[in-house]
């Protein structure tokens, strides 16, 4: 199978349009991290709402990425890029005008649909437009754009929220979308894959979405509905919480998905995922490492802004400036990563990067205190960014090392899906841990306080738990409490954020262990 493409004389202008397209969807995957505490206060989001706002984008992105890429291969990547851009623009307007958590979550879901259509279309178009040395340069631009915007998104979101309002963190997408549409229509050529076997796998799509969605639902909603026995918020009449039911549905759907995909593959029919790829050691163990890296990274970036804004009193802009040190570390190391890969091998560089990430996150967690200095936190984030740059830059090549060339596109889409799935799971798992620990710690601190009415204690606990610490400054108005209850809440959030961060380091340690299953092979880039 080969790409049908015209070697456009405007291909580098088209590359600019593609870079803008990639920038906007990656930025919106991270911009909410900094804006979230403000959203919690302005829209009265619960803790579960906050996790859904963050994770639904990655979850939908992961579920539809492969299918959207296949549709683009069959019917035209530019067409898919245009449709995805329109959907993303509409969703951004809806997000900017959302008046409650439900509307915002729905808009983020729609953004995920648009993003899942845009990303594979851009990658495949780059692959079709360029050849030889130019292709290597174009892929480097594409990858650098993703890395840069993932870290700069929080800074942009923090500035827009502080200077204007959180609405502009989404509304700023509208003029960019218009530029994307005009540029795509005028410059980007239409490409598709010749000889591609037609057909989709609708049942596979449904089973994978239900399986993954049920697991994320259970992780996020356990606090609200109860992990086993139903709480007062659970639907009436249920003998047990819907959470274990969701986990059971997830297990059944994912088992059914595996059996269904194997049966279709044996029958020679189109499949959503070629599960045989996971039998390749580089792909299987590399995918585990990629999933765990994304899980730890996005879970940690979910809790960090809540801590520094709730416990340290940072503004959204201050938080964005703090996180930009992660980007600086990534950028500075990226120039030397290819040379390190050639000298040490991709596997060794991935291990070095993961080890650096683990050390940095442990240092960050141990540095958390109510008097933590900005530059101390920034230093650990810089080191973490160095680790991300080392690990991420080489991990994709390592994952694809044993994949046959004719399956490289499919494998690339699958490893991107794995990363997005890790992002959603990281927010769900570590976000739930943060909320649960915060509630437990603050409840214990309230029990030890005298002179505070039981009703006020209950109101304070609900306020802090549901806002994940964002409403801590409001606690000082409670009768008979004053600064003491604010200090207690900040201490509870501090301990919860420290534990969550250290657990993120433990998760990354699992990814580090997975690298020992990687074979010592040359990557495609080395070759």
Foldseek 3Di string as FASTA:
>chain_A
DAKDDDQDPCVVLVLVLLLLLLLVLLLVLAQCLLCLLVCCVQQVFFLLLSLLLNQLLLLLLLLCQLVLLQCCQVPWLLVLQLVLLVQLLVLLLQCLPDNHSVSNSVSSNSNSVSSSSSVSSSVVLLVRNDDDPSSVVSVVSNVLSSLQSNLLSLLVQLCCCVVPRNSCSSNVVNVSSVVSNVSSVPRRDIMHGPPDDDDDDVLLSVLQSLLLVLLLCLLSCCVPQNNWAGDPRADPPDRITCNVVSNVSNVVSVVVSVVVQVVCVVVVHDHSADVVLLVALLQVLLLLLLLLLLLLVLLLSNLVSLLCCQLQVDGSNLVSVLSCLLSVLLVVLLVCLVVCCLVPNLLVLLLVLLVQLLVLLLQLLVQQDSPRDSVSNSVSSSSNSNSCNRNVVSSLLSNCAPPPPVCNSVSSSNSSSSSSSSSSNSSSNLSSQLLVQLLVQLLVVLVPDPPADPVLSVVLSSVCSGSVSSCLVVNCPGPPCHVNSSVSSSVSSSVSSSVSSNVSSVSSVVSSVSSVSRDRGHGPVSD
